[in-house]
Amino acid sequence: MDLTDCRVVYVTAAPHEAPDLARALVERRVAACVNLVPGVRSFYRWESEVHDDPETLMIIKTTADRLEALKAAVIELHSYDVPEFIVLPITSAHEPYAAWLRDQTRENGSG
């Protein structure tokens, strides 16, 4: 099973923003699926201050050839000045799922 083209991307977003962002990414076919994990609490330093904010973790499944388009869409649509965009390779998966993932991120895919 060759999964070298499958990726998981982590993005965080404000809870009110995440559903619309997730839908837009799937509609644009830059993501096959986006899972929203509500209730994330993020601590980070921004503009010399430590922040403690509620966020939603977005777990995005895509392919390597759609990463740049996905990144561009996240940057375009996200309300943050510097949105999180962390890419992880998928090293093991159920092959029918991986095949579906690939199909859903093709610009002329089915389904």
N, C-alpha and C. Protein backbone atom coordinates (compact mmCIF):
# COMPACT_ATOMS: atom_id res chain seq x y z
N MET A 1 0.85 -1.18 0.00
CA MET A 1 0.00 0.00 0.00
C MET A 1 0.89 1.23 0.00
N ASP A 2 0.75 2.07 -1.02
CA ASP A 2 1.53 3.29 -1.13
C ASP A 2 0.69 4.48 -0.71
N LEU A 3 1.03 5.06 0.44
CA LEU A 3 0.28 6.20 0.95
C LEU A 3 1.11 7.47 0.90
N THR A 4 2.16 7.48 0.09
CA THR A 4 3.05 8.64 0.08
C THR A 4 2.36 9.92 -0.35
N ASP A 5 1.19 9.82 -0.98
CA ASP A 5 0.49 11.02 -1.42
C ASP A 5 -0.59 11.50 -0.45
N CYS A 6 -0.84 10.79 0.64
CA CYS A 6 -1.90 11.15 1.58
C CYS A 6 -1.35 11.94 2.75
N ARG A 7 -2.09 12.97 3.17
CA ARG A 7 -1.63 13.86 4.25
C ARG A 7 -2.76 14.19 5.21
N VAL A 8 -2.36 14.48 6.46
CA VAL A 8 -3.25 15.05 7.47
C VAL A 8 -2.70 16.44 7.78
N VAL A 9 -3.59 17.41 7.85
CA VAL A 9 -3.18 18.79 8.14
C VAL A 9 -3.95 19.26 9.37
N TYR A 10 -3.22 19.85 10.32
CA TYR A 10 -3.84 20.44 11.50
C TYR A 10 -3.95 21.95 11.30
N VAL A 11 -5.13 22.45 11.54
CA VAL A 11 -5.41 23.89 11.54
C VAL A 11 -6.28 24.15 12.76
N THR A 12 -6.05 25.23 13.47
CA THR A 12 -6.96 25.64 14.53
C THR A 12 -7.71 26.88 14.08
N ALA A 13 -8.93 27.02 14.60
CA ALA A 13 -9.77 28.16 14.23
C ALA A 13 -10.67 28.52 15.39
N ALA A 14 -11.19 29.73 15.35
CA ALA A 14 -12.17 30.14 16.34
C ALA A 14 -13.40 29.23 16.19
N PRO A 15 -14.03 28.85 17.31
CA PRO A 15 -15.16 27.92 17.24
C PRO A 15 -16.27 28.34 16.28
N HIS A 16 -16.56 29.62 16.18
CA HIS A 16 -17.64 30.08 15.29
C HIS A 16 -17.22 30.04 13.81
N GLU A 17 -15.92 30.02 13.54
CA GLU A 17 -15.40 30.07 12.17
C GLU A 17 -15.18 28.68 11.56
N ALA A 18 -14.86 27.70 12.37
CA ALA A 18 -14.42 26.39 11.88
C ALA A 18 -15.42 25.68 10.97
N PRO A 19 -16.71 25.63 11.28
CA PRO A 19 -17.63 24.91 10.38
C PRO A 19 -17.68 25.48 8.96
N ASP A 20 -17.74 26.79 8.84
CA ASP A 20 -17.78 27.40 7.50
C ASP A 20 -16.47 27.18 6.75
N LEU A 21 -15.37 27.26 7.46
CA LEU A 21 -14.06 27.02 6.85
C LEU A 21 -13.96 25.57 6.37
N ALA A 22 -14.39 24.64 7.22
CA ALA A 22 -14.35 23.21 6.85
C ALA A 22 -15.18 22.94 5.60
N ARG A 23 -16.39 23.46 5.57
CA ARG A 23 -17.27 23.26 4.42
C ARG A 23 -16.64 23.83 3.14
N ALA A 24 -16.08 25.02 3.23
CA ALA A 24 -15.46 25.64 2.05
C ALA A 24 -14.29 24.80 1.53
N LEU A 25 -13.49 24.24 2.41
CA LEU A 25 -12.34 23.44 1.98
C LEU A 25 -12.79 22.17 1.26
N VAL A 26 -13.85 21.54 1.76
CA VAL A 26 -14.37 20.34 1.10
C VAL A 26 -15.04 20.72 -0.22
N GLU A 27 -15.81 21.80 -0.23
CA GLU A 27 -16.45 22.23 -1.48
C GLU A 27 -15.44 22.55 -2.56
N ARG A 28 -14.30 23.11 -2.18
CA ARG A 28 -13.25 23.45 -3.16
C ARG A 28 -12.41 22.23 -3.56
N ARG A 29 -12.67 21.09 -2.94
CA ARG A 29 -11.95 19.83 -3.20
C ARG A 29 -10.46 19.91 -2.84
N VAL A 30 -10.11 20.79 -1.93
CA VAL A 30 -8.74 20.80 -1.43
C VAL A 30 -8.62 19.92 -0.20
N ALA A 31 -9.76 19.47 0.32
CA ALA A 31 -9.82 18.54 1.44
C ALA A 31 -10.87 17.49 1.13
N ALA A 32 -10.56 16.24 1.45
CA ALA A 32 -11.55 15.17 1.29
C ALA A 32 -12.50 15.16 2.47
N CYS A 33 -11.95 15.47 3.64
CA CYS A 33 -12.72 15.40 4.88
C CYS A 33 -12.08 16.34 5.89
N VAL A 34 -12.90 16.97 6.71
CA VAL A 34 -12.40 17.80 7.81
C VAL A 34 -13.15 17.39 9.07
N ASN A 35 -12.41 16.96 10.07
CA ASN A 35 -13.00 16.67 11.38
C ASN A 35 -12.82 17.90 12.26
N LEU A 36 -13.87 18.27 12.95
CA LEU A 36 -13.80 19.40 13.88
C LEU A 36 -13.82 18.87 15.30
N VAL A 37 -12.79 19.23 16.06
CA VAL A 37 -12.68 18.81 17.45
C VAL A 37 -12.87 20.05 18.31
N PRO A 38 -14.08 20.24 18.84
CA PRO A 38 -14.35 21.44 19.64
C PRO A 38 -13.73 21.32 21.03
N GLY A 39 -13.68 22.43 21.70
CA GLY A 39 -13.24 22.42 23.10
C GLY A 39 -11.75 22.45 23.30
N VAL A 40 -11.00 22.76 22.26
CA VAL A 40 -9.55 22.88 22.40
C VAL A 40 -9.26 24.21 23.10
N ARG A 41 -8.35 24.18 24.02
CA ARG A 41 -7.92 25.40 24.73
C ARG A 41 -6.47 25.64 24.38
N SER A 42 -6.19 26.76 23.75
CA SER A 42 -4.85 27.05 23.26
C SER A 42 -4.19 28.16 24.06
N PHE A 43 -2.97 27.89 24.48
CA PHE A 43 -2.12 28.87 25.15
C PHE A 43 -0.99 29.19 24.19
N TYR A 44 -0.76 30.48 23.94
CA TYR A 44 0.27 30.87 22.99
C TYR A 44 0.65 32.33 23.25
N ARG A 45 1.83 32.68 22.77
CA ARG A 45 2.28 34.06 22.88
C ARG A 45 2.05 34.74 21.53
N TRP A 46 1.40 35.91 21.56
CA TRP A 46 1.15 36.68 20.36
C TRP A 46 1.26 38.15 20.72
N GLU A 47 2.08 38.88 19.96
CA GLU A 47 2.31 40.30 20.18
C GLU A 47 2.68 40.58 21.63
N SER A 48 3.64 39.80 22.14
CA SER A 48 4.24 39.95 23.47
C SER A 48 3.29 39.63 24.62
N GLU A 49 2.16 39.03 24.35
CA GLU A 49 1.23 38.66 25.41
C GLU A 49 0.91 37.17 25.32
N VAL A 50 0.74 36.54 26.48
CA VAL A 50 0.32 35.15 26.52
C VAL A 50 -1.21 35.13 26.48
N HIS A 51 -1.74 34.35 25.55
CA HIS A 51 -3.19 34.25 25.36
C HIS A 51 -3.67 32.87 25.79
N ASP A 52 -4.91 32.79 26.19
CA ASP A 52 -5.61 31.56 26.57
C ASP A 52 -6.97 31.64 25.90
N ASP A 53 -7.11 30.93 24.77
CA ASP A 53 -8.33 31.07 23.96
C ASP A 53 -8.96 29.72 23.64
N PRO A 54 -10.29 29.70 23.55
CA PRO A 54 -10.96 28.50 23.04
C PRO A 54 -10.78 28.42 21.52
N GLU A 55 -10.54 27.22 21.03
CA GLU A 55 -10.40 27.02 19.59
C GLU A 55 -11.03 25.69 19.22
N THR A 56 -11.19 25.49 17.93
CA THR A 56 -11.59 24.20 17.38
C THR A 56 -10.43 23.68 16.56
N LEU A 57 -10.03 22.43 16.81
CA LEU A 57 -8.98 21.80 16.03
C LEU A 57 -9.61 21.21 14.77
N MET A 58 -9.05 21.55 13.64
CA MET A 58 -9.50 21.02 12.36
C MET A 58 -8.48 19.97 11.91
N ILE A 59 -8.95 18.75 11.72
CA ILE A 59 -8.09 17.66 11.23
C ILE A 59 -8.52 17.44 9.78
N ILE A 60 -7.65 17.83 8.86
CA ILE A 60 -7.98 17.87 7.44
C ILE A 60 -7.23 16.75 6.72
N LYS A 61 -7.95 15.97 5.90
CA LYS A 61 -7.31 14.94 5.09
C LYS A 61 -7.27 15.40 3.64
N THR A 62 -6.08 15.28 3.04
CA THR A 62 -5.87 15.72 1.67
C THR A 62 -4.76 14.90 1.03
N THR A 63 -4.33 15.33 -0.15
CA THR A 63 -3.21 14.67 -0.82
C THR A 63 -2.08 15.67 -1.03
N ALA A 64 -0.90 15.15 -1.26
CA ALA A 64 0.29 16.00 -1.42
C ALA A 64 0.11 16.99 -2.56
N ASP A 65 -0.50 16.56 -3.65
CA ASP A 65 -0.65 17.46 -4.79
C ASP A 65 -1.69 18.57 -4.55
N ARG A 66 -2.48 18.48 -3.50
CA ARG A 66 -3.47 19.52 -3.19
C ARG A 66 -3.04 20.39 -2.00
N LEU A 67 -1.84 20.13 -1.44
CA LEU A 67 -1.40 20.87 -0.25
C LEU A 67 -1.29 22.37 -0.49
N GLU A 68 -0.68 22.78 -1.58
CA GLU A 68 -0.51 24.21 -1.83
C GLU A 68 -1.85 24.91 -2.03
N ALA A 69 -2.78 24.25 -2.72
CA ALA A 69 -4.11 24.82 -2.90
C ALA A 69 -4.85 24.88 -1.57
N LEU A 70 -4.68 23.86 -0.74
CA LEU A 70 -5.28 23.86 0.59
C LEU A 70 -4.71 25.00 1.43
N LYS A 71 -3.40 25.13 1.43
CA LYS A 71 -2.77 26.21 2.20
C LYS A 71 -3.26 27.58 1.73
N ALA A 72 -3.33 27.77 0.43
CA ALA A 72 -3.80 29.05 -0.11
C ALA A 72 -5.24 29.32 0.33
N ALA A 73 -6.08 28.30 0.32
CA ALA A 73 -7.47 28.47 0.73
C ALA A 73 -7.57 28.80 2.21
N VAL A 74 -6.79 28.11 3.04
CA VAL A 74 -6.80 28.40 4.48
C VAL A 74 -6.36 29.84 4.72
N ILE A 75 -5.29 30.26 4.09
CA ILE A 75 -4.80 31.63 4.28
C ILE A 75 -5.83 32.64 3.79
N GLU A 76 -6.47 32.36 2.67
CA GLU A 76 -7.48 33.27 2.12
C GLU A 76 -8.71 33.40 3.03
N LEU A 77 -9.19 32.27 3.55
CA LEU A 77 -10.48 32.24 4.25
C LEU A 77 -10.39 32.41 5.76
N HIS A 78 -9.23 32.15 6.33
CA HIS A 78 -9.07 32.15 7.78
C HIS A 78 -9.01 33.58 8.32
N SER A 79 -9.56 33.78 9.51
CA SER A 79 -9.57 35.12 10.10
C SER A 79 -8.26 35.47 10.80
N TYR A 80 -7.43 34.48 11.11
CA TYR A 80 -6.18 34.75 11.81
C TYR A 80 -5.14 35.36 10.87
N ASP A 81 -4.30 36.23 11.40
CA ASP A 81 -3.19 36.78 10.62
C ASP A 81 -2.20 35.68 10.25
N VAL A 82 -1.97 34.75 11.17
CA VAL A 82 -1.02 33.66 10.97
C VAL A 82 -1.69 32.34 11.37
N PRO A 83 -2.49 31.75 10.48
CA PRO A 83 -3.15 30.50 10.84
C PRO A 83 -2.16 29.34 10.95
N GLU A 84 -2.46 28.45 11.88
CA GLU A 84 -1.68 27.22 12.01
C GLU A 84 -1.90 26.38 10.76
N PHE A 85 -0.84 25.76 10.25
CA PHE A 85 -0.93 24.87 9.10
C PHE A 85 0.20 23.87 9.24
N ILE A 86 -0.09 22.72 9.84
CA ILE A 86 0.91 21.70 10.12
C ILE A 86 0.55 20.44 9.33
N VAL A 87 1.50 19.95 8.55
CA VAL A 87 1.27 18.81 7.67
C VAL A 87 1.95 17.56 8.22
N LEU A 88 1.20 16.46 8.26
CA LEU A 88 1.72 15.17 8.69
C LEU A 88 1.47 14.14 7.59
N PRO A 89 2.44 13.26 7.34
CA PRO A 89 2.21 12.19 6.36
C PRO A 89 1.31 11.12 6.97
N ILE A 90 0.54 10.46 6.14
CA ILE A 90 -0.22 9.29 6.57
C ILE A 90 0.62 8.08 6.22
N THR A 91 1.02 7.31 7.20
CA THR A 91 1.91 6.18 6.96
C THR A 91 1.17 4.84 6.92
N SER A 92 -0.08 4.84 7.38
CA SER A 92 -0.87 3.62 7.34
C SER A 92 -2.34 4.01 7.30
N ALA A 93 -3.11 3.32 6.46
CA ALA A 93 -4.54 3.59 6.36
C ALA A 93 -5.23 2.42 5.68
N HIS A 94 -6.53 2.34 5.84
CA HIS A 94 -7.35 1.38 5.13
C HIS A 94 -7.36 1.82 3.66
N GLU A 95 -6.88 1.00 2.76
CA GLU A 95 -6.70 1.40 1.37
C GLU A 95 -7.98 1.91 0.71
N PRO A 96 -9.14 1.32 0.95
CA PRO A 96 -10.35 1.91 0.35
C PRO A 96 -10.59 3.35 0.82
N TYR A 97 -10.24 3.65 2.07
CA TYR A 97 -10.37 5.03 2.56
C TYR A 97 -9.38 5.93 1.83
N ALA A 98 -8.14 5.47 1.69
CA ALA A 98 -7.12 6.26 1.00
C ALA A 98 -7.53 6.52 -0.45
N ALA A 99 -8.12 5.51 -1.10
CA ALA A 99 -8.58 5.69 -2.48
C ALA A 99 -9.71 6.72 -2.54
N TRP A 100 -10.62 6.67 -1.56
CA TRP A 100 -11.70 7.66 -1.50
C TRP A 100 -11.13 9.06 -1.29
N LEU A 101 -10.15 9.17 -0.39
CA LEU A 101 -9.50 10.46 -0.11
C LEU A 101 -8.92 11.04 -1.40
N ARG A 102 -8.20 10.21 -2.13
CA ARG A 102 -7.61 10.67 -3.39
C ARG A 102 -8.69 11.14 -4.38
N ASP A 103 -9.76 10.37 -4.48
CA ASP A 103 -10.83 10.72 -5.43
C ASP A 103 -11.51 12.03 -5.04
N GLN A 104 -11.73 12.26 -3.77
CA GLN A 104 -12.44 13.45 -3.32
C GLN A 104 -11.63 14.73 -3.48
N THR A 105 -10.33 14.63 -3.59
CA THR A 105 -9.50 15.81 -3.75
C THR A 105 -9.12 16.07 -5.21
N ARG A 106 -9.60 15.24 -6.11
CA ARG A 106 -9.41 15.53 -7.53
C ARG A 106 -10.41 16.60 -7.93
N GLU A 107 -9.97 17.56 -8.69
CA GLU A 107 -10.86 18.67 -9.08
C GLU A 107 -12.08 18.18 -9.83
N ASN A 108 -11.98 17.07 -10.52
CA ASN A 108 -13.12 16.53 -11.25
C ASN A 108 -13.54 15.18 -10.66
N GLY A 109 -13.32 15.00 -9.35
CA GLY A 109 -13.63 13.74 -8.69
C GLY A 109 -15.11 13.44 -8.66
N SER A 110 -15.41 12.20 -8.28
CA SER A 110 -16.81 11.78 -8.18
C SER A 110 -17.30 11.96 -6.76
N GLY A 111 -18.59 11.81 -6.60
CA GLY A 111 -19.18 11.81 -5.27
C GLY A 111 -19.37 13.10 -4.64
